[in-house]
Structures are given as C-alpha cells and as structure tokens.
Amino acid sequence: MKVTKSNKELLLLLKKNDRIAFYNLYERYSKRLYCFVLKHVKVDEDAEEIIQEVFIKIWEKRKTIDVSSSFESFLFTVTYHATISLLRKRVTENKYLAHLRSIQKVSEIAESTDELYLNELNAKLKSSLNELTSRQKEVFLLSREEGLSHQQISKKLHISVNTVKKHITNTISFLRTRLDN
C-alpha cells in the first residue's frame, strides 16, 4: 500500500536534501504546471524549459521554503514569474530580430544604391574618356587600367615622360570637372 505524504511532509524532507521528496513534488506538480505554462507560451520546448527552471529554483531554495504557507501558491507564483520572464525575453528577441532585419534591408538598399551610383559613374567615365583625344585616352588607360608607370608609358609610346605627365594631369583635370557635375 502506497502512503501519500502531504506537501508539508515532503517539504520538511526536502529541506533535509531528500531527493525522493523532491521527485515526489515534481511528479505531483510538473504536469499541472506544464499545462499552465503551455497556455501562455504555446511552445512545448519553452514550457518544458520553464518547468525545469522552476524545479531547479525549488531545489536551490529548498532550505528557505516556508512549510507553513501554501506550497502550491508559491509554486504557481514562481512558475508565473518564470513564464512572464520568458515572454518578455521573447518580445525583446523579436524586437531585436526586427531591428536586425531593418538594418539588413537598409544595408541592401544602400548596396543597390551604391551599385547604381557606381554604374552611373562608370558610364559617365566612359563617355568622358571618349571625348579625349586618342593619345590622351591611350596614356590615361595605360596608366590607370594597366598600371604602367610614366617611364613605361613613355617608352611604349615613344614620347617624353613630361608629355605623359601632362596628358595624365590634363585628363584627370578634365574628368574631375565632368564627373563632379
């Protein structure tokens, strides 16, 4: 014949570190608490997590539990606060995730805007380069696209280094006025 102990008896044993008393309290209340929590959080894993946290707190605070007051009220109060805490955490996480999504959208818009700007700038550059003399364009492209030094360009085109410098200086000046607009 199984003898069921009262909450008070179990709590007195719990205060003496009795694990069987703890297990009996867990068995007595865990399913009811789980249903209570699940109504609010709607997610099984969250409800299970809260019940585990509640019983961990019960074990940790076992020495300070008041055996003369209603353990059931105490247990449901602790569970209610743990549930509210988790719901607040979820709201904060959702706000943070929404914030991250908005930042990502802004970043995507900025990237697409930057890409459009670069495309427009490249089109203006090509158009402006076509307005140069063939020699100016050739010198500039050898310098900027092929990365040749002034001396290398001079040798390749059979012109003086000063002429190369002059072509590049004039081209850059011309492009600045065209691209600034």
C-alpha atoms as a PDB file:
ATOM      1  CA  MET A   1       0.000   0.000   0.000  1.00  0.00           C
ATOM      2  CA  LYS A   2       1.389   3.379  -1.093  1.00  0.00           C
ATOM      3  CA  VAL A   3       1.294   6.148   1.509  1.00  0.00           C
ATOM      4  CA  THR A   4       0.998   9.635   0.043  1.00  0.00           C
ATOM      5  CA  LYS A   5       2.716  12.307   2.029  1.00  0.00           C
ATOM      6  CA  SER A   6       1.378  15.825   2.386  1.00  0.00           C
ATOM      7  CA  ASN A   7       3.152  18.818   0.859  1.00  0.00           C
ATOM      8  CA  LYS A   8       4.266  19.850   4.334  1.00  0.00           C
ATOM      9  CA  GLU A   9       5.851  16.434   4.991  1.00  0.00           C
ATOM     10  CA  LEU A  10       7.558  16.464   1.585  1.00  0.00           C
ATOM     11  CA  LEU A  11       8.847  19.996   2.132  1.00  0.00           C
ATOM     12  CA  LEU A  12      10.281  19.105   5.535  1.00  0.00           C
ATOM     13  CA  LEU A  13      12.110  16.202   3.894  1.00  0.00           C
ATOM     14  CA  LEU A  14      13.179  18.448   1.011  1.00  0.00           C
ATOM     15  CA  LYS A  15      14.763  20.867   3.480  1.00  0.00           C
ATOM     16  CA  LYS A  16      16.875  17.902   4.615  1.00  0.00           C
ATOM     17  CA  ASN A  17      18.085  17.398   0.999  1.00  0.00           C
ATOM     18  CA  ASP A  18      15.805  14.417   0.401  1.00  0.00           C
ATOM     19  CA  ARG A  19      15.843  13.798  -3.353  1.00  0.00           C
ATOM     20  CA  ILE A  20      12.919  11.387  -3.197  1.00  0.00           C
ATOM     21  CA  ALA A  21      10.764  14.115  -1.645  1.00  0.00           C
ATOM     22  CA  PHE A  22      11.870  16.461  -4.431  1.00  0.00           C
ATOM     23  CA  TYR A  23      10.986  13.837  -7.046  1.00  0.00           C
ATOM     24  CA  ASN A  24       7.555  13.315  -5.430  1.00  0.00           C
ATOM     25  CA  LEU A  25       6.863  17.067  -5.564  1.00  0.00           C
ATOM     26  CA  TYR A  26       7.980  17.123  -9.174  1.00  0.00           C
ATOM     27  CA  GLU A  27       5.677  14.208 -10.031  1.00  0.00           C
ATOM     28  CA  ARG A  28       2.794  15.809  -8.160  1.00  0.00           C
ATOM     29  CA  TYR A  29       3.002  19.236  -9.852  1.00  0.00           C
ATOM     30  CA  SER A  30       5.011  19.128 -13.086  1.00  0.00           C
ATOM     31  CA  LYS A  31       2.140  18.139 -15.411  1.00  0.00           C
ATOM     32  CA  ARG A  32      -0.234  20.761 -13.994  1.00  0.00           C
ATOM     33  CA  LEU A  33       2.452  23.425 -14.187  1.00  0.00           C
ATOM     34  CA  TYR A  34       3.321  22.359 -17.719  1.00  0.00           C
ATOM     35  CA  CYS A  35      -0.319  22.800 -18.849  1.00  0.00           C
ATOM     36  CA  PHE A  36      -0.484  26.158 -17.081  1.00  0.00           C
ATOM     37  CA  VAL A  37       2.679  27.394 -18.820  1.00  0.00           C
ATOM     38  CA  LEU A  38       1.801  25.942 -22.233  1.00  0.00           C
ATOM     39  CA  LYS A  39      -1.428  28.004 -22.310  1.00  0.00           C
ATOM     40  CA  HIS A  40       0.723  31.124 -22.212  1.00  0.00           C
ATOM     41  CA  VAL A  41       3.853  30.300 -24.198  1.00  0.00           C
ATOM     42  CA  LYS A  42       2.283  27.960 -26.814  1.00  0.00           C
ATOM     43  CA  VAL A  43       5.606  26.170 -27.428  1.00  0.00           C
ATOM     44  CA  ASP A  44       6.311  22.749 -25.873  1.00  0.00           C
ATOM     45  CA  GLU A  45      10.056  23.282 -25.555  1.00  0.00           C
ATOM     46  CA  ASP A  46       9.581  26.645 -23.843  1.00  0.00           C
ATOM     47  CA  ALA A  47       7.065  25.158 -21.403  1.00  0.00           C
ATOM     48  CA  GLU A  48       9.435  22.307 -20.585  1.00  0.00           C
ATOM     49  CA  GLU A  49      12.299  24.742 -20.102  1.00  0.00           C
ATOM     50  CA  ILE A  50      10.268  26.848 -17.685  1.00  0.00           C
ATOM     51  CA  ILE A  51       9.219  23.806 -15.638  1.00  0.00           C
ATOM     52  CA  GLN A  52      12.846  22.713 -15.400  1.00  0.00           C
ATOM     53  CA  GLU A  53      13.890  26.192 -14.286  1.00  0.00           C
ATOM     54  CA  VAL A  54      11.131  26.295 -11.673  1.00  0.00           C
ATOM     55  CA  PHE A  55      12.131  22.979 -10.150  1.00  0.00           C
ATOM     56  CA  ILE A  56      15.804  23.916 -10.217  1.00  0.00           C
ATOM     57  CA  LYS A  57      14.862  27.047  -8.253  1.00  0.00           C
ATOM     58  CA  ILE A  58      12.831  24.920  -5.825  1.00  0.00           C
ATOM     59  CA  TRP A  59      15.847  22.676  -5.242  1.00  0.00           C
ATOM     60  CA  GLU A  60      18.212  25.640  -4.863  1.00  0.00           C
ATOM     61  CA  LYS A  61      15.858  27.448  -2.414  1.00  0.00           C
ATOM     62  CA  ARG A  62      14.776  24.290  -0.549  1.00  0.00           C
ATOM     63  CA  LYS A  63      16.268  25.483   2.748  1.00  0.00           C
ATOM     64  CA  THR A  64      14.294  28.752   2.690  1.00  0.00           C
ATOM     65  CA  ILE A  65      10.865  27.441   1.650  1.00  0.00           C
ATOM     66  CA  ASP A  66       8.181  28.290   4.203  1.00  0.00           C
ATOM     67  CA  VAL A  67       6.485  24.970   5.020  1.00  0.00           C
ATOM     68  CA  SER A  68       3.639  26.695   6.862  1.00  0.00           C
ATOM     69  CA  SER A  69       2.405  28.600   3.782  1.00  0.00           C
ATOM     70  CA  SER A  70       0.755  27.140   0.691  1.00  0.00           C
ATOM     71  CA  PHE A  71       3.419  25.430  -1.378  1.00  0.00           C
ATOM     72  CA  GLU A  72       1.056  25.208  -4.329  1.00  0.00           C
ATOM     73  CA  SER A  73       0.542  29.004  -4.346  1.00  0.00           C
ATOM     74  CA  PHE A  74       4.286  29.507  -4.036  1.00  0.00           C
ATOM     75  CA  LEU A  75       4.945  27.066  -6.883  1.00  0.00           C
ATOM     76  CA  PHE A  76       2.430  28.667  -9.232  1.00  0.00           C
ATOM     77  CA  THR A  77       3.737  32.150  -8.390  1.00  0.00           C
ATOM     78  CA  VAL A  78       7.310  31.112  -9.212  1.00  0.00           C
ATOM     79  CA  THR A  79       6.060  29.463 -12.414  1.00  0.00           C
ATOM     80  CA  TYR A  80       4.030  32.535 -13.386  1.00  0.00           C
ATOM     81  CA  HIS A  81       7.064  34.810 -12.943  1.00  0.00           C
ATOM     82  CA  ALA A  82       9.294  32.452 -14.928  1.00  0.00           C
ATOM     83  CA  THR A  83       6.679  32.402 -17.713  1.00  0.00           C
ATOM     84  CA  ILE A  84       6.411  36.196 -17.789  1.00  0.00           C
ATOM     85  CA  SER A  85      10.199  36.435 -17.834  1.00  0.00           C
ATOM     86  CA  LEU A  86      10.422  34.123 -20.842  1.00  0.00           C
ATOM     87  CA  LEU A  87       7.660  36.016 -22.668  1.00  0.00           C
ATOM     88  CA  ARG A  88       9.491  39.311 -22.073  1.00  0.00           C
ATOM     89  CA  LYS A  89      12.685  37.722 -23.339  1.00  0.00           C
ATOM     90  CA  ARG A  90      10.883  36.551 -26.493  1.00  0.00           C
ATOM     91  CA  VAL A  91       9.433  40.027 -27.101  1.00  0.00           C
ATOM     92  CA  THR A  92      12.892  41.549 -26.698  1.00  0.00           C
ATOM     93  CA  GLU A  93      14.378  38.937 -29.054  1.00  0.00           C
ATOM     94  CA  ASN A  94      11.645  39.606 -31.623  1.00  0.00           C
ATOM     95  CA  LYS A  95      12.263  43.360 -31.421  1.00  0.00           C
ATOM     96  CA  TYR A  96      15.981  42.750 -31.823  1.00  0.00           C
ATOM     97  CA  LEU A  97      15.420  40.435 -34.800  1.00  0.00           C
ATOM     98  CA  ALA A  98      13.093  43.000 -36.390  1.00  0.00           C
ATOM     99  CA  HIS A  99      15.783  45.636 -35.835  1.00  0.00           C
ATOM    100  CA  LEU A 100      18.383  43.399 -37.491  1.00  0.00           C
ATOM    101  CA  ARG A 101      16.046  42.786 -40.435  1.00  0.00           C
ATOM    102  CA  SER A 102      15.513  46.533 -40.871  1.00  0.00           C
ATOM    103  CA  ILE A 103      19.271  47.120 -40.735  1.00  0.00           C
ATOM    104  CA  GLN A 104      19.760  44.396 -43.322  1.00  0.00           C
ATOM    105  CA  LYS A 105      17.128  45.990 -45.590  1.00  0.00           C
ATOM    106  CA  VAL A 106      18.780  49.394 -45.219  1.00  0.00           C
ATOM    107  CA  SER A 107      22.128  47.803 -45.997  1.00  0.00           C
ATOM    108  CA  GLU A 108      20.689  46.070 -49.077  1.00  0.00           C
ATOM    109  CA  ILE A 109      19.155  49.340 -50.262  1.00  0.00           C
ATOM    110  CA  ALA A 110      22.472  51.139 -49.671  1.00  0.00           C
ATOM    111  CA  GLU A 111      24.330  48.428 -51.585  1.00  0.00           C
ATOM    112  CA  SER A 112      21.932  48.621 -54.517  1.00  0.00           C
ATOM    113  CA  THR A 113      22.110  52.432 -54.425  1.00  0.00           C
ATOM    114  CA  ASP A 114      25.909  52.274 -54.338  1.00  0.00           C
ATOM    115  CA  GLU A 115      25.865  49.830 -57.239  1.00  0.00           C
ATOM    116  CA  LEU A 116      23.581  52.109 -59.248  1.00  0.00           C
ATOM    117  CA  TYR A 117      25.799  55.078 -58.435  1.00  0.00           C
ATOM    118  CA  LEU A 118      28.930  53.172 -59.487  1.00  0.00           C
ATOM    119  CA  ASN A 119      27.290  52.052 -62.726  1.00  0.00           C
ATOM    120  CA  GLU A 120      26.254  55.615 -63.467  1.00  0.00           C
ATOM    121  CA  LEU A 121      29.732  56.888 -62.613  1.00  0.00           C
ATOM    122  CA  ASN A 122      31.363  54.265 -64.865  1.00  0.00           C
ATOM    123  CA  ALA A 123      29.045  55.227 -67.716  1.00  0.00           C
ATOM    124  CA  LYS A 124      29.964  58.914 -67.254  1.00  0.00           C
ATOM    125  CA  LEU A 125      33.653  57.998 -67.111  1.00  0.00           C
ATOM    126  CA  LYS A 126      33.479  56.008 -70.355  1.00  0.00           C
ATOM    127  CA  SER A 127      31.534  58.767 -72.040  1.00  0.00           C
ATOM    128  CA  SER A 128      34.041  61.372 -70.844  1.00  0.00           C
ATOM    129  CA  LEU A 129      37.006  59.254 -71.933  1.00  0.00           C
ATOM    130  CA  ASN A 130      35.524  59.127 -75.428  1.00  0.00           C
ATOM    131  CA  GLU A 131      35.715  62.937 -75.556  1.00  0.00           C
ATOM    132  CA  LEU A 132      39.507  62.869 -75.074  1.00  0.00           C
ATOM    133  CA  THR A 133      41.995  62.821 -77.907  1.00  0.00           C
ATOM    134  CA  SER A 134      43.102  59.326 -78.824  1.00  0.00           C
ATOM    135  CA  ARG A 135      46.600  59.932 -77.366  1.00  0.00           C
ATOM    136  CA  GLN A 136      45.240  61.308 -74.046  1.00  0.00           C
ATOM    137  CA  LYS A 137      42.886  58.343 -73.742  1.00  0.00           C
ATOM    138  CA  GLU A 138      45.665  55.877 -74.568  1.00  0.00           C
ATOM    139  CA  VAL A 139      48.067  57.383 -71.988  1.00  0.00           C
ATOM    140  CA  PHE A 140      45.380  57.500 -69.297  1.00  0.00           C
ATOM    141  CA  LEU A 141      44.266  53.891 -69.842  1.00  0.00           C
ATOM    142  CA  LEU A 142      47.848  52.619 -69.823  1.00  0.00           C
ATOM    143  CA  SER A 143      48.372  54.408 -66.527  1.00  0.00           C
ATOM    144  CA  ARG A 144      45.095  53.566 -64.769  1.00  0.00           C
ATOM    145  CA  GLU A 145      43.953  50.273 -66.225  1.00  0.00           C
ATOM    146  CA  GLU A 146      47.277  48.594 -66.968  1.00  0.00           C
ATOM    147  CA  GLY A 147      49.112  50.222 -64.063  1.00  0.00           C
ATOM    148  CA  LEU A 148      52.133  51.287 -66.079  1.00  0.00           C
ATOM    149  CA  SER A 149      54.481  53.924 -64.695  1.00  0.00           C
ATOM    150  CA  HIS A 150      55.130  57.215 -66.510  1.00  0.00           C
ATOM    151  CA  GLN A 151      58.502  55.908 -67.706  1.00  0.00           C
ATOM    152  CA  GLN A 152      56.980  52.664 -69.027  1.00  0.00           C
ATOM    153  CA  ILE A 153      54.308  54.600 -70.928  1.00  0.00           C
ATOM    154  CA  SER A 154      56.977  56.946 -72.286  1.00  0.00           C
ATOM    155  CA  LYS A 155      58.996  54.029 -73.687  1.00  0.00           C
ATOM    156  CA  LYS A 156      55.945  52.191 -75.028  1.00  0.00           C
ATOM    157  CA  LEU A 157      54.522  55.225 -76.881  1.00  0.00           C
ATOM    158  CA  HIS A 158      57.886  56.825 -77.765  1.00  0.00           C
ATOM    159  CA  ILE A 159      57.030  60.129 -76.069  1.00  0.00           C
ATOM    160  CA  SER A 160      58.743  62.019 -73.264  1.00  0.00           C
ATOM    161  CA  VAL A 161      57.934  61.426 -69.586  1.00  0.00           C
ATOM    162  CA  ASN A 162      56.872  65.092 -69.318  1.00  0.00           C
ATOM    163  CA  THR A 163      54.372  64.588 -72.144  1.00  0.00           C
ATOM    164  CA  VAL A 164      52.960  61.542 -70.304  1.00  0.00           C
ATOM    165  CA  LYS A 165      52.640  63.592 -67.104  1.00  0.00           C
ATOM    166  CA  LYS A 166      50.953  66.429 -68.984  1.00  0.00           C
ATOM    167  CA  HIS A 167      48.445  64.074 -70.665  1.00  0.00           C
ATOM    168  CA  ILE A 168      47.571  62.438 -67.318  1.00  0.00           C
ATOM    169  CA  THR A 169      47.298  65.775 -65.493  1.00  0.00           C
ATOM    170  CA  ASN A 170      45.058  67.253 -68.210  1.00  0.00           C
ATOM    171  CA  THR A 171      42.921  64.094 -68.361  1.00  0.00           C
ATOM    172  CA  ILE A 172      42.407  63.970 -64.594  1.00  0.00           C
ATOM    173  CA  SER A 173      41.505  67.646 -64.540  1.00  0.00           C
ATOM    174  CA  PHE A 174      39.052  67.153 -67.410  1.00  0.00           C
ATOM    175  CA  LEU A 175      37.472  64.081 -65.752  1.00  0.00           C
ATOM    176  CA  ARG A 176      37.078  65.840 -62.409  1.00  0.00           C
ATOM    177  CA  THR A 177      35.105  68.671 -63.964  1.00  0.00           C
ATOM    178  CA  ARG A 178      32.961  66.209 -65.930  1.00  0.00           C
ATOM    179  CA  LEU A 179      32.328  63.786 -63.068  1.00  0.00           C
ATOM    180  CA  ASP A 180      31.752  66.417 -60.394  1.00  0.00           C
ATOM    181  CA  ASN A 181      28.731  67.584 -62.336  1.00  0.00           C
END
